[in-house]
Amino acid sequence: MTGPTDSQFSKLPSVDKLLRTAEAATLIETFGRQSVTRALREDLAKLRKDIAKKDTGRVEKILLADIFSRAATQLEENLSPSLKPVFNLTGTVLHTNLGRAPLPEEALEAIAAVSRGASNLEYNLQTGKRGDRDTHLEVTLSQLIGAEAVTIVNNNAAAVLLILNSLALRKEVVVSRGELIEIGGAFRIPDIMSRAGAKLREVGTTNRTHLKDFEEAIGKRTAMLMQIHTSNYEIQGFTKAVGASELALLAHKYDLPFAVDLGSGTMTDLQRYGLPHEPTAQEALASGADLVSFSGDKLLGGPQAGIIAGRADLISKIKKNPMKRAMRCDKMTIAALETIIRLYDDPHRLAERIPTLRLLARRKDQIQETAQRVSSAINRALSDQYSVTLEKCQSQIGSGSLPAERLDSVALVIRPTAKQGVGTGLKRLADAFRNLPMPVIGRIQENALWMDLRCLEASNEKTFLNQLEKLKIQ
């Protein structure tokens, strides 16, 4: 076979010629000249590769309209944001990979308000002098938690790191071996202690730790006692753990601070919403903890943040740490978190106004009604290669928040009808739902695609249904 000839390459138009056409002018009006030029060059480069690979059939039939059509498709894809909203039908409400807690409308409005222009982020309107960004939160938050002072950083991992580096640099921190957790992204307590410049002194065994283990470990190099809430696993059976109040008394006996890392954390009794009890920040401080840290974007239902609350002298020392600036929150996070905290000041309406609590407290019969409404539309959107059933399932609160607890729910379960190629059919099905304008994320198990409808509410049900006509299974 002979290679491509110059005449074959010459069939391709130049970029300049393409840019002088009416089609190019239309694209330039929408996407800009630089982007259109780049898209056309890339398409022509692909055509040259086809010729070089002797795929001349594609080039013989080339039309300018084809080049512009491919360029327009590429430009639209490039214009589409990489970070986009999705339907979380995985069954895990606080899903780490899907952004965790949805924010209430009040928080979104607060973010928009401070993002449109200048704000008093670090400006004291009363004195006309430089201010502290923590002041927007500290009064209300301190009162709610029962703390002397608070400070905010960008997440709870940063909060733990900052506490350790500020109060235990080059000294020992005593922790029960059964609390040396690892959370998502291989974040391990021993590693974070090492990076913070503190030395871990682990005591007890994996399943049993006694108060005497802590006391025997206290020495001249001890800087702090620490309790870490095992929010992403449980140890059951022959177990023993030391309570926070006992540890607080022991720490104070030796004039040491006692810190509690709640992990996900909350500021309300979840049992009032029919959910399992989770230790609150208020309980930690009432038990005698000098500091407590917890997340803003999990059970609290707010933006990603790490909250540190407790003794004013310890908070002051933490805020003077140079690392605090590297971990501080931006104006959008503070605006959203301030709104969330004010909602907690009205506890009787929390489940209505905090989306996370509303989703977690949602009754099974409400989810069943949603399932019945949308199942027929799903059936119509799919070919006879798939069957749709409604089945009972159990939602997970979050992989790092009460992971062992389950909530009764209802799922749409889609199964391939063919006995052969089930795996391939499920992959194509999941791909099709992920490629919708607002991607739909479910989970594959038991040779079916499960869509837990706990997080599909009436407010977004119409969007979910309207886009089903665009479902294309390759």
Protein backbone atom coordinates (compact mmCIF):
# COMPACT_ATOMS: atom_id res chain seq x y z
CA MET A 1 0.00 0.00 0.00
CA THR A 2 1.19 3.49 -0.72
CA GLY A 3 1.32 6.28 1.83
CA PRO A 4 -0.69 9.52 1.74
CA THR A 5 0.08 11.92 -1.04
CA ASP A 6 0.40 15.70 -0.92
CA SER A 7 -2.88 15.97 -2.83
CA GLN A 8 -4.67 14.13 -0.04
CA PHE A 9 -3.37 16.56 2.53
CA SER A 10 -4.25 19.48 0.23
CA LYS A 11 -7.93 18.56 0.44
CA LEU A 12 -7.94 19.97 3.96
CA PRO A 13 -8.88 23.66 4.23
CA SER A 14 -6.60 26.07 6.08
CA VAL A 15 -7.56 27.53 9.44
CA ASP A 16 -7.59 31.02 7.85
CA LYS A 17 -10.07 29.89 5.21
CA LEU A 18 -12.34 28.39 7.86
CA LEU A 19 -12.21 31.53 10.00
CA ARG A 20 -13.45 33.64 7.07
CA THR A 21 -16.71 31.69 6.77
CA ALA A 22 -20.14 32.63 8.12
CA GLU A 23 -20.17 29.45 10.24
CA ALA A 24 -16.97 30.52 11.98
CA ALA A 25 -18.37 34.00 12.60
CA THR A 26 -21.36 32.44 14.39
CA LEU A 27 -19.10 30.33 16.58
CA ILE A 28 -16.81 33.28 17.34
CA GLU A 29 -19.79 35.32 18.47
CA THR A 30 -20.60 32.64 21.05
CA PHE A 31 -17.22 31.25 22.10
CA GLY A 32 -14.62 33.89 21.13
CA ARG A 33 -12.06 33.90 18.31
CA GLN A 34 -9.23 32.32 20.28
CA SER A 35 -11.28 29.32 21.38
CA VAL A 36 -12.76 28.76 17.92
CA THR A 37 -9.32 28.96 16.29
CA ARG A 38 -7.96 26.38 18.72
CA ALA A 39 -10.91 24.03 18.15
CA LEU A 40 -10.54 24.22 14.35
CA ARG A 41 -6.79 23.60 14.52
CA GLU A 42 -7.33 20.56 16.73
CA ASP A 43 -9.91 19.10 14.34
CA LEU A 44 -7.64 19.63 11.32
CA ALA A 45 -4.78 18.00 13.22
CA LYS A 46 -6.92 14.92 13.80
CA LEU A 47 -7.80 14.77 10.10
CA ARG A 48 -4.09 14.92 9.19
CA LYS A 49 -3.48 11.99 11.51
CA ASP A 50 -6.24 10.07 9.74
CA ILE A 51 -4.54 10.70 6.41
CA ALA A 52 -1.17 9.69 7.82
CA LYS A 53 -2.76 6.45 9.06
CA LYS A 54 -4.16 5.88 5.55
CA ASP A 55 -7.74 6.45 6.75
CA THR A 56 -8.38 8.49 3.61
CA GLY A 57 -12.03 7.49 3.32
CA ARG A 58 -12.96 9.91 6.06
CA VAL A 59 -11.09 12.71 4.31
CA GLU A 60 -12.63 12.03 0.88
CA LYS A 61 -16.09 12.72 2.33
CA ILE A 62 -15.06 15.70 4.38
CA LEU A 63 -17.36 18.71 4.40
CA LEU A 64 -16.78 22.08 6.00
CA ALA A 65 -20.05 21.59 7.86
CA ASP A 66 -18.60 18.50 9.52
CA ILE A 67 -15.57 20.41 10.78
CA PHE A 68 -17.74 23.17 12.23
CA SER A 69 -20.13 20.66 13.78
CA ARG A 70 -17.31 18.83 15.56
CA ALA A 71 -15.73 22.12 16.62
CA ALA A 72 -19.05 23.37 18.04
CA THR A 73 -19.52 20.15 20.01
CA GLN A 74 -16.02 20.42 21.41
CA LEU A 75 -16.47 24.08 22.32
CA GLU A 76 -19.73 23.36 24.15
CA GLU A 77 -18.04 20.58 26.12
CA ASN A 78 -15.15 22.89 27.00
CA LEU A 79 -17.60 25.58 28.13
CA SER A 80 -19.43 23.19 30.42
CA PRO A 81 -18.11 23.51 34.01
CA SER A 82 -16.20 20.56 35.39
CA LEU A 83 -17.80 21.00 38.82
CA LYS A 84 -21.55 20.61 38.46
CA PRO A 85 -24.61 19.61 40.50
CA VAL A 86 -25.65 15.96 40.45
CA PHE A 87 -28.51 13.86 41.79
CA ASN A 88 -27.20 11.87 44.74
CA LEU A 89 -29.17 8.62 44.62
CA THR A 90 -26.35 6.51 46.05
CA GLY A 91 -28.05 5.96 49.39
CA THR A 92 -25.33 7.81 51.31
CA VAL A 93 -26.73 11.19 52.33
CA LEU A 94 -23.46 12.83 53.41
CA HIS A 95 -21.39 11.48 50.53
CA THR A 96 -17.78 12.70 50.64
CA ASN A 97 -17.28 12.38 46.88
CA LEU A 98 -20.52 14.22 46.14
CA GLY A 99 -19.90 17.31 48.26
CA ARG A 100 -21.47 16.22 51.55
CA ALA A 101 -24.07 18.58 53.03
CA PRO A 102 -26.46 20.55 50.77
CA LEU A 103 -26.85 24.14 51.92
CA PRO A 104 -30.16 25.87 52.74
CA GLU A 105 -31.36 28.73 50.58
CA GLU A 106 -30.56 31.27 53.29
CA ALA A 107 -26.90 30.24 53.18
CA LEU A 108 -26.79 30.43 49.38
CA GLU A 109 -28.27 33.93 49.49
CA ALA A 110 -25.68 34.97 52.09
CA ILE A 111 -22.84 33.65 49.89
CA ALA A 112 -24.16 35.56 46.89
CA ALA A 113 -24.59 38.77 48.89
CA VAL A 114 -20.97 38.93 50.10
CA SER A 115 -19.57 37.71 46.76
CA ARG A 116 -21.01 40.51 44.64
CA GLY A 117 -18.64 43.15 45.99
CA ALA A 118 -16.77 44.38 49.02
CA SER A 119 -17.70 43.21 52.51
CA ASN A 120 -16.62 43.85 56.10
CA LEU A 121 -14.77 40.51 56.26
CA GLU A 122 -11.90 41.92 58.33
CA TYR A 123 -13.19 45.43 58.98
CA ASN A 124 -14.83 46.56 62.22
CA LEU A 125 -17.73 48.82 61.28
CA GLN A 126 -18.00 50.19 64.84
CA THR A 127 -14.38 51.29 65.23
CA GLY A 128 -13.46 51.83 61.58
CA LYS A 129 -10.35 49.69 62.10
CA ARG A 130 -9.08 46.29 61.03
CA GLY A 131 -11.23 43.46 62.38
CA ASP A 132 -11.07 39.69 62.89
CA ARG A 133 -13.04 37.42 60.55
CA ASP A 134 -13.92 35.11 63.46
CA THR A 135 -16.03 37.89 65.02
CA HIS A 136 -18.85 37.20 62.55
CA LEU A 137 -19.36 33.82 64.21
CA GLU A 138 -17.91 33.77 67.69
CA VAL A 139 -20.68 35.34 69.79
CA THR A 140 -23.60 33.24 68.52
CA LEU A 141 -21.53 30.07 68.16
CA SER A 142 -19.98 30.38 71.62
CA GLN A 143 -23.41 30.84 73.16
CA LEU A 144 -24.88 27.86 71.32
CA ILE A 145 -22.03 25.52 72.25
CA GLY A 146 -21.37 26.89 75.72
CA ALA A 147 -17.76 27.80 74.98
CA GLU A 148 -15.67 30.73 76.11
CA ALA A 149 -14.30 31.28 72.59
CA VAL A 150 -14.26 29.78 69.10
CA THR A 151 -12.18 29.94 65.95
CA ILE A 152 -12.82 28.61 62.46
CA VAL A 153 -10.53 26.93 59.91
CA ASN A 154 -11.08 25.35 56.50
CA ASN A 155 -11.90 21.79 57.71
CA ASN A 156 -11.73 19.58 60.77
CA ALA A 157 -8.47 17.96 59.69
CA ALA A 158 -6.91 21.43 59.78
CA ALA A 159 -8.51 22.03 63.17
CA VAL A 160 -6.85 18.92 64.64
CA LEU A 161 -3.51 19.80 63.06
CA LEU A 162 -3.68 23.36 64.41
CA ILE A 163 -4.60 22.27 67.95
CA LEU A 164 -1.69 19.83 68.07
CA ASN A 165 0.85 22.22 66.58
CA SER A 166 -0.21 25.08 68.84
CA LEU A 167 -0.39 23.20 72.13
CA ALA A 168 1.81 20.11 71.80
CA LEU A 169 4.75 21.02 69.57
CA ARG A 170 7.68 18.65 70.33
CA LYS A 171 5.70 17.14 73.21
CA GLU A 172 3.54 14.06 73.77
CA VAL A 173 -0.20 13.65 73.27
CA VAL A 174 -1.83 10.66 74.98
CA VAL A 175 -4.52 8.87 72.94
CA SER A 176 -6.24 5.50 73.25
CA ARG A 177 -5.02 2.96 70.70
CA GLY A 178 -8.63 2.19 69.80
CA GLU A 179 -9.11 5.77 68.58
CA LEU A 180 -6.22 5.98 66.09
CA ILE A 181 -8.57 6.43 63.18
CA GLU A 182 -8.05 6.70 59.44
CA ILE A 183 -10.59 8.68 57.44
CA GLY A 184 -10.99 9.18 53.68
CA GLY A 185 -7.89 9.97 51.63
CA ALA A 186 -5.66 7.95 54.01
CA PHE A 187 -5.78 10.71 56.64
CA ARG A 188 -4.44 9.05 59.79
CA ILE A 189 -4.21 10.46 63.30
CA PRO A 190 -0.62 9.20 63.83
CA ASP A 191 0.46 10.88 60.58
CA ILE A 192 -1.23 14.18 61.38
CA MET A 193 0.38 14.21 64.84
CA SER A 194 3.79 13.68 63.29
CA ARG A 195 3.21 16.49 60.77
CA ALA A 196 1.99 18.76 63.57
CA GLY A 197 5.26 18.25 65.42
CA ALA A 198 3.65 16.33 68.30
CA LYS A 199 4.58 12.87 69.49
CA LEU A 200 1.83 10.26 69.77
CA ARG A 201 1.72 8.30 73.04
CA GLU A 202 -0.81 5.55 72.45
CA VAL A 203 -2.20 3.65 75.44
CA GLY A 204 -4.37 0.60 76.01
CA THR A 205 -5.30 -1.93 73.35
CA THR A 206 -7.52 -1.80 70.28
CA ASN A 207 -10.62 -2.91 72.18
CA ARG A 208 -9.91 -1.98 75.83
CA THR A 209 -8.37 1.10 77.41
CA HIS A 210 -8.52 2.00 81.12
CA LEU A 211 -8.07 5.26 83.02
CA LYS A 212 -4.90 3.90 84.61
CA ASP A 213 -3.40 3.49 81.11
CA PHE A 214 -3.70 7.23 80.60
CA GLU A 215 -2.37 8.12 84.05
CA GLU A 216 0.65 5.84 83.71
CA ALA A 217 1.53 7.50 80.40
CA ILE A 218 1.58 11.04 81.80
CA GLY A 219 5.09 12.41 82.28
CA LYS A 220 7.22 15.52 81.95
CA ARG A 221 6.87 15.49 78.15
CA THR A 222 3.07 15.21 78.17
CA ALA A 223 1.30 18.21 76.63
CA MET A 224 -2.28 17.03 76.31
CA LEU A 225 -4.81 14.22 76.66
CA MET A 226 -6.95 13.70 73.58
CA GLN A 227 -10.11 11.77 72.81
CA ILE A 228 -10.99 11.05 69.18
CA HIS A 229 -14.56 10.10 68.32
CA THR A 230 -14.56 6.99 66.13
CA SER A 231 -17.26 8.34 63.85
CA ASN A 232 -16.52 6.04 60.90
CA TYR A 233 -16.36 2.63 62.64
CA GLU A 234 -17.46 0.76 65.75
CA ILE A 235 -15.68 -1.70 68.03
CA GLN A 236 -18.13 -4.14 69.62
CA GLY A 237 -17.86 -7.06 72.02
CA PHE A 238 -15.33 -7.20 74.85
CA THR A 239 -14.61 -3.47 74.99
CA LYS A 240 -13.75 -0.75 77.46
CA ALA A 241 -13.30 2.98 76.88
CA VAL A 242 -12.68 5.88 79.21
CA GLY A 243 -15.40 8.51 79.35
CA ALA A 244 -14.74 12.15 78.53
CA SER A 245 -15.54 13.33 82.05
CA GLU A 246 -13.02 10.90 83.56
CA LEU A 247 -10.33 12.01 81.13
CA ALA A 248 -11.09 15.66 81.84
CA LEU A 249 -10.65 15.15 85.59
CA LEU A 250 -7.40 13.27 85.03
CA ALA A 251 -6.03 15.94 82.67
CA HIS A 252 -6.90 18.74 85.06
CA LYS A 253 -5.35 16.83 87.98
CA TYR A 254 -2.01 17.16 86.16
CA ASP A 255 -2.78 20.68 84.85
CA LEU A 256 -3.04 19.44 81.25
CA PRO A 257 -5.58 20.45 78.58
CA PHE A 258 -8.06 17.83 77.39
CA ALA A 259 -9.16 18.01 73.75
CA VAL A 260 -11.99 16.11 72.02
CA ASP A 261 -12.07 15.62 68.24
CA LEU A 262 -15.68 14.84 67.33
CA GLY A 263 -14.97 14.39 63.62
CA SER A 264 -18.34 14.98 61.96
CA GLY A 265 -19.86 16.57 65.05
CA THR A 266 -23.23 18.16 65.65
CA MET A 267 -24.87 20.85 67.79
CA THR A 268 -28.26 19.22 68.26
CA ASP A 269 -29.64 15.98 69.69
CA LEU A 270 -30.30 13.89 66.58
CA GLN A 271 -32.65 11.60 68.51
CA ARG A 272 -35.38 14.24 68.33
CA TYR A 273 -35.49 13.49 64.56
CA GLY A 274 -35.61 9.73 65.03
CA LEU A 275 -31.88 9.38 64.35
CA PRO A 276 -29.20 7.65 66.46
CA HIS A 277 -27.51 9.73 69.13
CA GLU A 278 -24.24 11.39 68.14
CA PRO A 279 -22.06 13.24 70.68
CA THR A 280 -22.59 16.99 70.49
CA ALA A 281 -20.09 19.79 70.95
CA GLN A 282 -22.11 20.98 73.94
CA GLU A 283 -21.82 17.56 75.60
CA ALA A 284 -18.06 17.45 75.06
CA LEU A 285 -17.52 20.82 76.75
CA ALA A 286 -20.00 20.05 79.53
CA SER A 287 -18.05 16.86 80.27
CA GLY A 288 -14.98 18.97 81.01
CA ALA A 289 -13.19 19.14 77.66
CA ASP A 290 -11.03 22.25 77.28
CA LEU A 291 -11.29 22.13 73.48
CA VAL A 292 -13.60 20.45 71.01
CA SER A 293 -13.26 20.34 67.22
CA PHE A 294 -15.79 19.24 64.59
CA SER A 295 -16.78 19.64 60.93
CA GLY A 296 -19.15 22.17 59.45
CA ASP A 297 -20.17 20.21 56.35
CA LYS A 298 -21.38 16.91 57.78
CA LEU A 299 -24.05 16.49 60.43
CA LEU A 300 -24.05 20.24 61.08
CA GLY A 301 -25.37 20.70 57.55
CA GLY A 302 -23.18 23.65 56.55
CA PRO A 303 -20.17 24.46 54.36
CA GLN A 304 -16.80 22.75 54.65
CA ALA A 305 -15.15 24.14 57.77
CA GLY A 306 -13.46 23.09 60.98
CA ILE A 307 -14.77 24.56 64.23
CA ILE A 308 -12.61 24.77 67.37
CA ALA A 309 -14.36 25.79 70.59
CA GLY A 310 -13.38 25.91 74.24
CA ARG A 311 -11.22 27.81 76.70
CA ALA A 312 -10.44 31.39 75.70
CA ASP A 313 -6.74 31.17 76.63
CA LEU A 314 -6.23 28.06 74.47
CA ILE A 315 -8.18 29.53 71.55
CA SER A 316 -6.05 32.68 71.80
CA LYS A 317 -2.87 30.61 71.59
CA ILE A 318 -4.24 28.72 68.57
CA LYS A 319 -5.17 31.95 66.77
CA LYS A 320 -1.62 33.29 67.22
CA ASN A 321 -0.15 30.28 65.42
CA PRO A 322 1.21 31.41 62.00
CA MET A 323 -0.39 28.31 60.47
CA LYS A 324 -3.83 29.70 61.29
CA ARG A 325 -3.62 32.12 58.36
CA ALA A 326 -2.94 29.27 55.95
CA MET A 327 -6.05 27.46 57.21
CA ARG A 328 -8.50 30.35 57.51
CA CYS A 329 -11.92 30.36 55.84
CA ASP A 330 -12.91 32.69 53.03
CA LYS A 331 -15.83 35.14 53.08
CA MET A 332 -18.22 32.72 51.36
CA THR A 333 -17.67 29.98 53.95
CA ILE A 334 -18.07 32.44 56.81
CA ALA A 335 -21.27 33.88 55.30
CA ALA A 336 -22.78 30.41 54.89
CA LEU A 337 -21.65 29.18 58.31
CA GLU A 338 -22.98 32.30 60.04
CA THR A 339 -26.38 31.62 58.47
CA ILE A 340 -26.33 27.97 59.53
CA ILE A 341 -25.44 28.89 63.13
CA ARG A 342 -28.32 31.38 63.31
CA LEU A 343 -30.70 28.64 62.12
CA TYR A 344 -29.55 26.49 65.05
CA ASP A 345 -30.70 29.30 67.33
CA ASP A 346 -34.26 28.23 66.40
CA PRO A 347 -34.10 24.47 67.17
CA HIS A 348 -37.82 23.77 66.67
CA ARG A 349 -37.58 24.44 62.92
CA LEU A 350 -34.18 22.90 62.23
CA ALA A 351 -35.46 19.87 60.31
CA GLU A 352 -37.43 22.17 58.00
CA ARG A 353 -34.59 24.59 57.30
CA ILE A 354 -31.41 22.46 57.31
CA PRO A 355 -31.50 20.19 54.21
CA THR A 356 -29.21 17.56 55.76
CA LEU A 357 -31.48 17.08 58.77
CA ARG A 358 -34.56 17.13 56.55
CA LEU A 359 -33.16 14.37 54.32
CA LEU A 360 -32.03 12.27 57.25
CA ALA A 361 -35.38 12.62 59.00
CA ARG A 362 -37.43 11.89 55.87
CA ARG A 363 -40.01 9.16 56.46
CA LYS A 364 -40.12 5.99 54.40
CA ASP A 365 -43.74 6.61 53.30
CA GLN A 366 -42.71 10.00 51.87
CA ILE A 367 -39.91 8.35 49.89
CA GLN A 368 -42.36 5.65 48.72
CA GLU A 369 -44.66 8.32 47.28
CA THR A 370 -41.74 9.86 45.36
CA ALA A 371 -40.78 6.44 44.03
CA GLN A 372 -44.28 5.75 42.75
CA ARG A 373 -44.41 9.10 40.95
CA VAL A 374 -41.09 8.73 39.12
CA SER A 375 -41.03 4.97 38.41
CA SER A 376 -43.40 5.16 35.42
CA ALA A 377 -41.29 7.91 33.82
CA ILE A 378 -38.15 5.80 34.28
CA ASN A 379 -39.96 2.87 32.67
CA ARG A 380 -40.90 4.97 29.64
CA ALA A 381 -37.35 6.29 29.25
CA LEU A 382 -35.84 2.80 29.17
CA SER A 383 -36.12 0.17 26.48
CA ASP A 384 -37.48 -3.32 27.10
CA GLN A 385 -33.87 -4.37 27.73
CA TYR A 386 -34.33 -3.20 31.32
CA SER A 387 -36.93 -3.81 34.04
CA VAL A 388 -37.77 -1.35 36.83
CA THR A 389 -38.99 -2.32 40.30
CA LEU A 390 -39.48 -0.50 43.60
CA GLU A 391 -37.71 -2.20 46.48
CA LYS A 392 -36.97 -1.57 50.14
CA CYS A 393 -33.44 -0.49 50.97
CA GLN A 394 -31.46 1.21 53.72
CA SER A 395 -29.77 4.58 53.40
CA GLN A 396 -26.44 5.34 55.00
CA ILE A 397 -26.06 8.60 56.92
CA GLY A 398 -22.45 9.06 55.80
CA SER A 399 -19.25 7.08 55.37
CA GLY A 400 -17.61 9.24 58.05
CA SER A 401 -20.77 10.04 60.03
CA LEU A 402 -22.63 7.25 61.84
CA PRO A 403 -21.56 4.71 59.16
CA ALA A 404 -22.96 1.72 61.04
CA GLU A 405 -26.46 3.20 61.26
CA ARG A 406 -29.05 2.64 58.54
CA LEU A 407 -32.31 4.42 57.63
CA ASP A 408 -35.24 2.65 55.98
CA SER A 409 -35.74 3.89 52.43
CA VAL A 410 -37.05 2.97 48.97
CA ALA A 411 -35.08 2.50 45.76
CA LEU A 412 -35.73 2.28 42.03
CA VAL A 413 -33.97 -0.92 40.99
CA ILE A 414 -33.13 -1.29 37.29
CA ARG A 415 -32.05 -4.70 35.98
CA PRO A 416 -31.04 -5.83 32.47
CA THR A 417 -33.60 -8.31 31.13
CA ALA A 418 -31.05 -10.21 29.06
CA LYS A 419 -29.28 -13.09 30.80
CA GLN A 420 -26.07 -12.48 28.89
CA GLY A 421 -23.83 -9.45 29.25
CA VAL A 422 -25.38 -8.17 32.49
CA GLY A 423 -22.18 -6.40 33.51
CA THR A 424 -21.87 -4.60 30.19
CA GLY A 425 -25.53 -3.64 30.24
CA LEU A 426 -25.27 -2.17 33.72
CA LYS A 427 -22.16 -0.21 32.80
CA ARG A 428 -23.90 1.31 29.76
CA LEU A 429 -26.93 2.13 31.92
CA ALA A 430 -24.89 3.82 34.66
CA ASP A 431 -22.90 5.74 32.01
CA ALA A 432 -26.13 6.99 30.41
CA PHE A 433 -27.48 8.36 33.69
CA ARG A 434 -24.13 9.99 34.49
CA ASN A 435 -24.16 11.70 31.07
CA LEU A 436 -27.50 13.45 31.60
CA PRO A 437 -27.40 17.29 31.84
CA MET A 438 -27.65 16.91 35.63
CA PRO A 439 -25.88 13.59 36.20
CA VAL A 440 -27.68 10.90 38.19
CA ILE A 441 -25.43 8.86 40.47
CA GLY A 442 -26.71 5.56 41.84
CA ARG A 443 -24.94 2.40 42.98
CA ILE A 444 -24.49 -0.98 41.33
CA GLN A 445 -25.15 -4.01 43.51
CA GLU A 446 -26.77 -7.42 43.12
CA ASN A 447 -26.58 -7.17 39.30
CA ALA A 448 -28.75 -4.04 39.25
CA LEU A 449 -28.54 -0.26 39.32
CA TRP A 450 -30.05 0.95 42.59
CA MET A 451 -31.33 4.51 42.96
CA ASP A 452 -32.13 5.28 46.59
CA LEU A 453 -34.71 8.09 46.44
CA ARG A 454 -34.15 9.53 49.94
CA CYS A 455 -32.34 12.55 48.46
CA LEU A 456 -34.80 13.16 45.59
CA GLU A 457 -37.19 15.79 46.94
CA ALA A 458 -40.21 17.46 45.38
CA SER A 459 -38.17 20.61 44.76
CA ASN A 460 -35.88 18.85 42.27
CA GLU A 461 -38.16 16.06 41.08
CA LYS A 462 -39.29 18.01 37.99
CA THR A 463 -35.68 18.57 36.86
CA PHE A 464 -35.02 14.86 37.31
CA LEU A 465 -38.05 13.85 35.22
CA ASN A 466 -37.69 16.44 32.45
CA GLN A 467 -34.20 15.32 31.49
CA LEU A 468 -35.10 11.63 31.13
CA GLU A 469 -35.99 12.22 27.47
CA LYS A 470 -32.28 12.83 26.89
CA LEU A 471 -31.29 9.45 28.33
CA LYS A 472 -29.23 7.65 25.66
CA ILE A 473 -27.92 4.16 26.36
CA GLN A 474 -25.08 3.39 23.95
